[in-house]
Each structure stands twice: as structure tokens, then as C-alpha cells.
Amino acid sequence: MDSTTASANFYSEFQIEKDAIQEQLSRSSEIDKGHLDQHFESLLSRINSLERKLTESTAFVPGYDQRQFALALKTLKDNLTAQRSNLTPRTKFSFKSRSKKAATAINTKQTKPADVNTAVSAKVSNTITQNTIKYTNVQNSLLTFPQDSDHSMMDVSISNAKRCIIRLDEKQHGVSAVHIKDVEECVIIAGRVSGSILIYGCKRSIILAECHQFRMHNSTTVKLLLSVSSHPIMEDSQDIVIGSYHGQPALSNDNASQHVERPKNYYDHMEDFNWLKQQESPNWRLMDPSIASKTSQALMQLDALTAKEAAASTEFDLYKDLFPM
């Protein structure tokens, strides 16, 4: 199938599914209150699925059309959020105050962390629905996969997180996709992701990941350490610093002692949809290779105690102080 036909087919399928989701959203007020959560979760899952298909279509869908599809998805998500807020109001999330302990040195910087035992644990802050684990409304925490997760492949959703360190690389099974929305001053160690990473609204954060596709929207002041096998994409984002991450060793299924040849890393081929000129985009720049290497190693070797203390501290800046650059 040539690219023109593939693009036309995708356009038709996208419009049909988008219109179906929008129709279901418009009927949300007719749904029994007891079933609203399930209704919205189902629609969000369909939007995320459509978003993944868009990411996978970058090889044959023109750049302008990709931007229009992305805007349509953003509108759907905004509509879903508004409907959910109106029909299923939540009580405001808050944390209890934490007691302070004696100053603890982290990376040669003196801090005054809160009692790490009072930090919100992943067991409280995550939920599992079907094959998706969700971290939402979390703050000042170290988050990891729950021990009782038994799915072989899982999607991960992170939203409304502030000052958290999130480790996804310790999971024994695979991560198929990661969706990140509205996070600030977070360190996300995603490790290997077999599919895509989609980001909306990321501020002053550090992300380390190995993935097939990478898309970032509406983000600012972010350090990326990437191993990505296709051109990464950004839109409406500024002050993005990108370094190479060599990824975790890949082993052959036939012989665990033999390493599989790694695909080319396109971390330095960022496509900025807001900068279509031939000159380099002013919205992103490359990280010094030696700094990228040292930071990647430090992130992968970060121990749980240090991470908990850094996330819980009221005086520690995760973006600037954890791994100064």
C-alpha cells in the first residue's frame, strides 16, 4: 500500500472513531451516575488508542495532518475532562503535613527531608484498570510498580504529578506505552518502552526512556535522555535539552548470552512542528554527551532511599539539584 492510500485510510478511520467518541461524550449526562466512571474510562482508553495509532502513522501521514489530528485529540481530551469534572466532582486531593527530620546530605547538598515513611506510597496512589496502571494526583513521592501486577504488558498513565520520582524500569514485565500529562518537577525513569511515549504539559522535569516513538506537546524546561528508533516529535514546547541514552542491553530470545544489534538512535533528530524552517529550532538543543552519559548512569543507579528523601524534601529541587548539569 502506498503512502497516499495509507494516509487516506487513516484519515477515514480516525474521523469515524473521533466522531463516535464525541457522540458518546455528548450523551454523558444521560448515563447513570453509578456507571459514569466506567463510561469515562472507556472513552479515555479509546482516545489513548487513537493517539497511539496516530503516533504509529508518522511514516505516511503528512506533518500538517499530524498536527490537525493531534489538535482534534486534544479537544477530545479537554471535552472529556470538562464533562468528567461537571458530572463526577471529586473532593480536593491534599496531603497531611510532614514532620521534619535532621538534615540529610544528598549529592553533597544539605537538605531537610520530611519523614520518608509518611511519603505517599505507590500502593495508595496507583490504580490498575485492565492492562493500564495509572498514577494520578501524586506529590512528593517515590512511585514504582505495584508488586501484585501480573500483566505481561502494561500501559502506564501519569497525570497531575508534582515533585515525584517515578521508576518504571524495575518492572519484570514489559511496558507497552507511557502517557504523561500535567507533571511538574518530576524525574521519570521509564526504561524500555516497546511502543510510544506521549507527553502533554510537562514542566521542569527529567525523563529517561528507550522507546519506538516519542511525542511531546505543551512542555517547557525538560531534560530528555532518549534512545528512540524513529524521529521524536515536539510541538508548542520550549527549552528542551536532549541527550543520548544508550538503553538497557537487549538479549536474543534464542540465546540470552548474545546481545541483539540495537537500532539507530534518532534522539538528535527532533522534529519541531512549530519550526518548519531549515535552520535549527531555537526550542531545543543537544546535551553535552559526557553529561548525558553521567546523568543516565546516575539515574539508573539511583537508590530508593535517596529517591524518597529527595522527593519528600521541601528544600530540594529535583530538576536542578538531583543531578546538576
Protein backbone atom coordinates (compact mmCIF):
# COMPACT_ATOMS: atom_id res chain seq x y z
CA MET A 1 0.00 0.00 0.00
CA ASP A 2 1.47 3.38 -1.00
CA SER A 3 1.72 6.25 1.48
CA THR A 4 -1.12 8.25 -0.12
CA THR A 5 -3.57 5.36 0.21
CA ALA A 6 -2.40 4.59 3.74
CA SER A 7 -2.82 8.25 4.73
CA ALA A 8 -6.34 8.37 3.23
CA ASN A 9 -7.34 5.17 5.04
CA PHE A 10 -6.03 6.51 8.33
CA TYR A 11 -7.93 9.78 7.85
CA SER A 12 -11.18 7.89 7.30
CA GLU A 13 -10.68 5.57 10.30
CA PHE A 14 -9.62 8.47 12.52
CA GLN A 15 -12.66 10.58 11.67
CA ILE A 16 -15.08 7.70 12.25
CA GLU A 17 -13.64 6.89 15.68
CA LYS A 18 -13.29 10.55 16.68
CA ASP A 19 -16.93 11.27 15.80
CA ALA A 20 -18.08 8.14 17.67
CA ILE A 21 -16.18 9.18 20.81
CA GLN A 22 -17.54 12.73 20.60
CA GLU A 23 -21.08 11.40 20.27
CA GLN A 24 -20.64 9.25 23.37
CA LEU A 25 -19.23 12.24 25.24
CA SER A 26 -22.24 14.37 24.31
CA ARG A 27 -24.52 11.74 25.87
CA SER A 28 -22.61 11.57 29.17
CA SER A 29 -25.34 13.43 31.07
CA GLU A 30 -27.74 10.60 30.21
CA ILE A 31 -25.55 7.93 31.84
CA ASP A 32 -26.48 6.65 35.29
CA LYS A 33 -24.14 8.15 37.91
CA GLY A 34 -23.10 4.72 39.07
CA HIS A 35 -21.69 3.96 35.64
CA LEU A 36 -20.07 7.32 34.83
CA ASP A 37 -16.57 6.35 35.93
CA GLN A 38 -16.62 3.27 33.72
CA HIS A 39 -18.06 5.37 30.87
CA PHE A 40 -15.29 7.96 31.04
CA GLU A 41 -12.55 5.35 31.49
CA SER A 42 -13.76 3.54 28.39
CA LEU A 43 -13.74 6.75 26.35
CA LEU A 44 -10.30 7.73 27.62
CA SER A 45 -8.99 4.31 26.64
CA ARG A 46 -10.37 4.80 23.12
CA ILE A 47 -8.77 8.26 22.86
CA ASN A 48 -5.43 6.86 24.02
CA SER A 49 -5.71 4.05 21.48
CA LEU A 50 -6.39 6.59 18.73
CA GLU A 51 -3.40 8.59 19.94
CA ARG A 52 -1.15 5.54 19.70
CA LYS A 53 -2.34 4.86 16.17
CA LEU A 54 -1.52 8.45 15.23
CA THR A 55 1.98 8.07 16.62
CA GLU A 56 2.42 4.88 14.60
CA SER A 57 1.26 6.64 11.43
CA THR A 58 4.02 9.26 11.30
CA ALA A 59 5.77 7.38 8.48
CA PHE A 60 2.98 8.10 5.99
CA VAL A 61 0.78 10.92 7.37
CA PRO A 62 2.00 14.43 6.35
CA GLY A 63 3.21 16.74 9.11
CA TYR A 64 0.35 19.21 8.71
CA ASP A 65 -2.24 16.44 9.01
CA GLN A 66 -0.48 15.05 12.08
CA ARG A 67 -0.83 18.43 13.78
CA GLN A 68 -4.54 18.61 12.92
CA PHE A 69 -5.13 15.09 14.25
CA ALA A 70 -3.21 15.95 17.44
CA LEU A 71 -5.35 19.07 17.94
CA ALA A 72 -8.52 17.01 17.47
CA LEU A 73 -7.32 14.53 20.11
CA LYS A 74 -6.51 17.36 22.50
CA THR A 75 -10.03 18.75 22.02
CA LEU A 76 -11.50 15.31 22.78
CA LYS A 77 -9.43 15.01 25.96
CA ASP A 78 -10.35 18.53 27.06
CA ASN A 79 -14.04 17.79 26.47
CA LEU A 80 -13.77 14.54 28.42
CA THR A 81 -12.05 16.32 31.32
CA ALA A 82 -14.72 19.02 31.39
CA GLN A 83 -17.59 16.53 31.28
CA ARG A 84 -16.00 14.41 33.97
CA SER A 85 -15.42 17.40 36.20
CA ASN A 86 -19.03 18.55 35.83
CA LEU A 87 -20.68 15.17 36.26
CA THR A 88 -18.36 13.46 38.76
CA PRO A 89 -16.89 16.18 41.00
CA ARG A 90 -14.04 14.98 43.17
CA THR A 91 -13.01 16.09 46.61
CA LYS A 92 -9.82 18.12 46.52
CA PHE A 93 -6.71 15.98 46.90
CA SER A 94 -4.42 17.00 49.75
CA PHE A 95 -1.52 15.69 51.76
CA LYS A 96 -1.10 15.75 55.50
CA SER A 97 1.74 17.84 56.80
CA ARG A 98 5.00 16.01 57.33
CA SER A 99 7.36 16.26 60.26
CA LYS A 100 10.95 17.30 59.52
CA LYS A 101 14.00 15.27 60.41
CA ALA A 102 17.62 16.18 60.72
CA ALA A 103 19.34 17.46 57.60
CA THR A 104 20.49 14.70 55.24
CA ALA A 105 23.16 15.07 52.58
CA ILE A 106 22.05 14.08 49.08
CA ASN A 107 24.57 14.50 46.26
CA THR A 108 26.67 16.72 48.57
CA LYS A 109 23.70 19.13 49.05
CA GLN A 110 22.26 19.57 52.56
CA THR A 111 18.50 19.16 52.67
CA LYS A 112 15.82 18.83 55.31
CA PRO A 113 13.61 15.98 54.11
CA ALA A 114 10.26 15.15 55.59
CA ASP A 115 9.87 11.79 57.24
CA VAL A 116 10.17 9.44 54.28
CA ASN A 117 7.84 6.96 55.92
CA THR A 118 5.00 9.46 55.54
CA ALA A 119 5.53 9.95 51.81
CA VAL A 120 2.61 8.67 49.77
CA SER A 121 3.41 5.19 48.53
CA ALA A 122 2.66 3.75 45.11
CA LYS A 123 0.12 1.38 46.63
CA VAL A 124 -2.02 4.36 47.62
CA SER A 125 -1.52 6.45 44.51
CA ASN A 126 -1.92 3.96 41.69
CA THR A 127 -4.85 2.12 40.22
CA ILE A 128 -4.91 -0.74 37.73
CA THR A 129 -7.64 -0.98 35.10
CA GLN A 130 -7.39 -3.76 32.55
CA ASN A 131 -3.77 -3.55 31.29
CA THR A 132 -3.15 0.04 32.37
CA ILE A 133 -1.61 1.31 35.59
CA LYS A 134 -2.39 4.92 36.49
CA TYR A 135 -0.57 7.32 38.78
CA THR A 136 -2.64 10.44 39.35
CA ASN A 137 -2.82 13.32 41.85
CA VAL A 138 0.51 12.48 43.46
CA GLN A 139 3.10 14.71 45.09
CA ASN A 140 6.45 14.44 46.90
CA SER A 141 6.68 10.68 46.37
CA LEU A 142 8.76 7.85 45.00
CA LEU A 143 6.47 5.74 42.81
CA THR A 144 7.20 2.26 41.48
CA PHE A 145 5.18 -0.60 40.01
CA PRO A 146 2.92 -2.42 42.48
CA GLN A 147 4.20 -5.83 43.48
CA ASP A 148 0.89 -7.50 42.65
CA SER A 149 0.98 -6.52 38.97
CA ASP A 150 0.79 -9.76 36.98
CA HIS A 151 0.12 -8.49 33.43
CA SER A 152 2.80 -9.37 30.89
CA MET A 153 2.48 -5.99 29.11
CA MET A 154 1.08 -2.79 30.55
CA ASP A 155 0.38 0.79 29.53
CA VAL A 156 1.30 3.44 32.08
CA SER A 157 -0.58 6.72 32.63
CA ILE A 158 0.93 9.52 34.76
CA SER A 159 -1.10 12.67 35.39
CA ASN A 160 -1.24 15.58 37.81
CA ALA A 161 2.09 14.72 39.44
CA LYS A 162 4.39 17.18 41.18
CA ARG A 163 7.82 16.61 42.69
CA CYS A 164 7.79 12.86 42.19
CA ILE A 165 10.42 10.33 41.17
CA ILE A 166 8.76 7.61 39.12
CA ARG A 167 10.58 4.37 38.27
CA LEU A 168 9.14 2.15 35.56
CA ASP A 169 12.38 0.37 34.69
CA GLU A 170 12.19 -2.11 37.58
CA LYS A 171 9.09 -3.90 36.27
CA GLN A 172 9.70 -7.56 35.48
CA HIS A 173 7.31 -7.48 32.52
CA GLY A 174 7.04 -5.13 29.56
CA VAL A 175 5.74 -1.57 29.30
CA SER A 176 3.90 -1.08 26.02
CA ALA A 177 3.21 2.68 26.18
CA VAL A 178 3.54 5.64 28.54
CA HIS A 179 1.15 8.62 28.67
CA ILE A 180 2.22 11.67 30.67
CA LYS A 181 0.01 14.70 31.34
CA ASP A 182 0.41 17.74 33.60
CA VAL A 183 3.55 16.89 35.54
CA GLU A 184 5.94 19.35 37.16
CA GLU A 185 9.39 18.90 38.71
CA CYS A 186 9.34 15.15 38.24
CA VAL A 187 12.02 12.60 37.40
CA ILE A 188 10.57 9.80 35.26
CA ILE A 189 12.83 6.79 34.66
CA ALA A 190 10.80 4.93 32.07
CA GLY A 191 13.44 2.44 30.95
CA ARG A 192 12.46 0.35 27.94
CA VAL A 193 9.03 1.01 26.39
CA SER A 194 8.11 -1.20 23.45
CA GLY A 195 5.76 1.35 21.85
CA SER A 196 5.22 5.07 22.26
CA ILE A 197 5.64 7.81 24.85
CA LEU A 198 3.11 10.67 24.64
CA ILE A 199 3.51 13.80 26.74
CA TYR A 200 1.19 16.78 27.31
CA GLY A 201 2.07 19.55 29.73
CA CYS A 202 5.44 18.67 31.26
CA LYS A 203 7.39 21.33 33.18
CA ARG A 204 10.85 21.37 34.77
CA SER A 205 11.27 17.61 34.63
CA ILE A 206 13.78 14.94 33.63
CA ILE A 207 12.73 11.94 31.53
CA LEU A 208 14.87 8.91 30.66
CA ALA A 209 13.43 6.43 28.19
CA GLU A 210 14.04 3.94 25.42
CA CYS A 211 11.09 3.75 23.02
CA HIS A 212 9.95 3.36 19.44
CA GLN A 213 8.07 6.67 19.13
CA PHE A 214 8.22 9.86 21.18
CA ARG A 215 5.83 12.84 21.04
CA MET A 216 5.77 15.86 23.35
CA HIS A 217 3.30 18.76 23.44
CA ASN A 218 2.90 21.92 25.53
CA SER A 219 6.04 21.35 27.58
CA THR A 220 8.80 23.61 28.83
CA THR A 221 12.20 23.25 30.53
CA VAL A 222 12.58 19.50 30.17
CA LYS A 223 15.72 17.35 30.05
CA LEU A 224 15.31 14.29 27.86
CA LEU A 225 17.63 11.30 27.81
CA LEU A 226 16.40 9.26 24.87
CA SER A 227 17.00 6.15 22.88
CA VAL A 228 14.34 6.33 20.17
CA SER A 229 14.15 4.32 16.94
CA SER A 230 12.18 6.97 14.98
CA HIS A 231 12.33 10.75 14.78
CA PRO A 232 10.97 12.24 18.03
CA ILE A 233 8.37 14.99 17.67
CA MET A 234 7.64 18.08 19.75
CA GLU A 235 5.03 20.83 19.47
CA ASP A 236 4.32 24.00 21.45
CA SER A 237 7.35 23.27 23.63
CA GLN A 238 10.42 25.31 24.61
CA ASP A 239 13.73 24.96 26.46
CA ILE A 240 14.09 21.25 25.75
CA VAL A 241 17.53 19.71 26.29
CA ILE A 242 18.12 16.32 24.66
CA GLY A 243 20.84 13.78 25.35
CA SER A 244 21.52 10.24 24.24
CA TYR A 245 20.57 7.29 26.42
CA HIS A 246 22.15 4.02 25.34
CA GLY A 247 19.32 1.95 26.74
CA GLN A 248 19.31 -1.38 28.51
CA PRO A 249 21.09 -4.37 26.92
CA ALA A 250 18.80 -6.25 24.54
CA LEU A 251 19.10 -10.04 24.60
CA SER A 252 18.13 -12.55 21.95
CA ASN A 253 15.26 -14.89 22.80
CA ASP A 254 17.25 -17.80 21.38
CA ASN A 255 20.45 -17.17 23.26
CA ALA A 256 20.36 -15.00 26.36
CA SER A 257 24.14 -14.59 26.22
CA GLN A 258 24.08 -12.89 22.83
CA HIS A 259 23.14 -9.23 22.52
CA VAL A 260 20.81 -8.14 19.75
CA GLU A 261 22.06 -5.36 17.50
CA ARG A 262 20.48 -2.10 18.64
CA PRO A 263 18.51 0.10 16.20
CA LYS A 264 19.81 3.56 15.32
CA ASN A 265 19.13 6.19 17.98
CA TYR A 266 17.40 9.25 16.48
CA TYR A 267 17.47 11.29 19.69
CA ASP A 268 19.19 14.16 17.85
CA HIS A 269 16.61 14.27 15.02
CA MET A 270 13.88 16.08 16.95
CA GLU A 271 11.14 17.41 14.67
CA ASP A 272 9.66 20.65 15.99
CA PHE A 273 6.20 21.22 14.48
CA ASN A 274 6.45 24.89 15.42
CA TRP A 275 9.67 25.36 13.46
CA LEU A 276 9.39 24.34 9.81
CA LYS A 277 12.44 26.29 8.62
CA GLN A 278 15.64 24.57 7.57
CA GLN A 279 17.62 26.29 10.32
CA GLU A 280 17.88 24.62 13.72
CA SER A 281 14.91 25.14 16.01
CA PRO A 282 15.54 27.53 18.93
CA ASN A 283 13.18 25.45 21.08
CA TRP A 284 15.55 22.53 21.71
CA ARG A 285 19.27 21.85 21.98
CA LEU A 286 21.58 18.91 22.46
CA MET A 287 23.09 17.99 25.81
CA ASP A 288 26.83 17.55 26.16
CA PRO A 289 27.48 13.80 25.55
CA SER A 290 29.60 13.38 28.69
CA ILE A 291 26.91 14.99 30.84
CA ALA A 292 24.21 12.85 29.20
CA SER A 293 26.22 9.69 29.90
CA LYS A 294 26.90 10.58 33.54
CA THR A 295 23.30 11.62 34.17
CA SER A 296 21.91 8.43 32.58
CA GLN A 297 24.13 6.28 34.76
CA ALA A 298 23.23 8.24 37.88
CA LEU A 299 19.52 7.89 37.17
CA MET A 300 19.74 4.15 36.57
CA GLN A 301 21.76 3.69 39.78
CA LEU A 302 19.54 5.92 41.94
CA ASP A 303 18.71 4.03 45.13
CA ALA A 304 15.27 4.04 46.73
CA LEU A 305 16.28 5.75 49.97
CA THR A 306 17.95 8.68 48.19
CA ALA A 307 14.99 8.99 45.84
CA LYS A 308 12.46 9.02 48.71
CA GLU A 309 14.39 11.65 50.62
CA ALA A 310 14.83 13.86 47.56
CA ALA A 311 11.14 13.67 46.61
CA ALA A 312 9.95 14.31 50.17
CA SER A 313 12.27 17.26 50.82
CA THR A 314 10.70 20.71 50.79
CA GLU A 315 14.03 22.34 50.02
CA PHE A 316 15.30 20.08 47.26
CA ASP A 317 14.80 20.99 43.58
CA LEU A 318 14.50 17.73 41.64
CA TYR A 319 15.18 19.48 38.33
CA LYS A 320 18.31 21.37 39.38
CA ASP A 321 19.74 19.66 42.43
CA LEU A 322 19.38 15.91 41.95
CA PHE A 323 21.81 15.77 39.03
CA PRO A 324 23.35 19.21 38.45
CA MET A 325 24.32 19.88 34.85
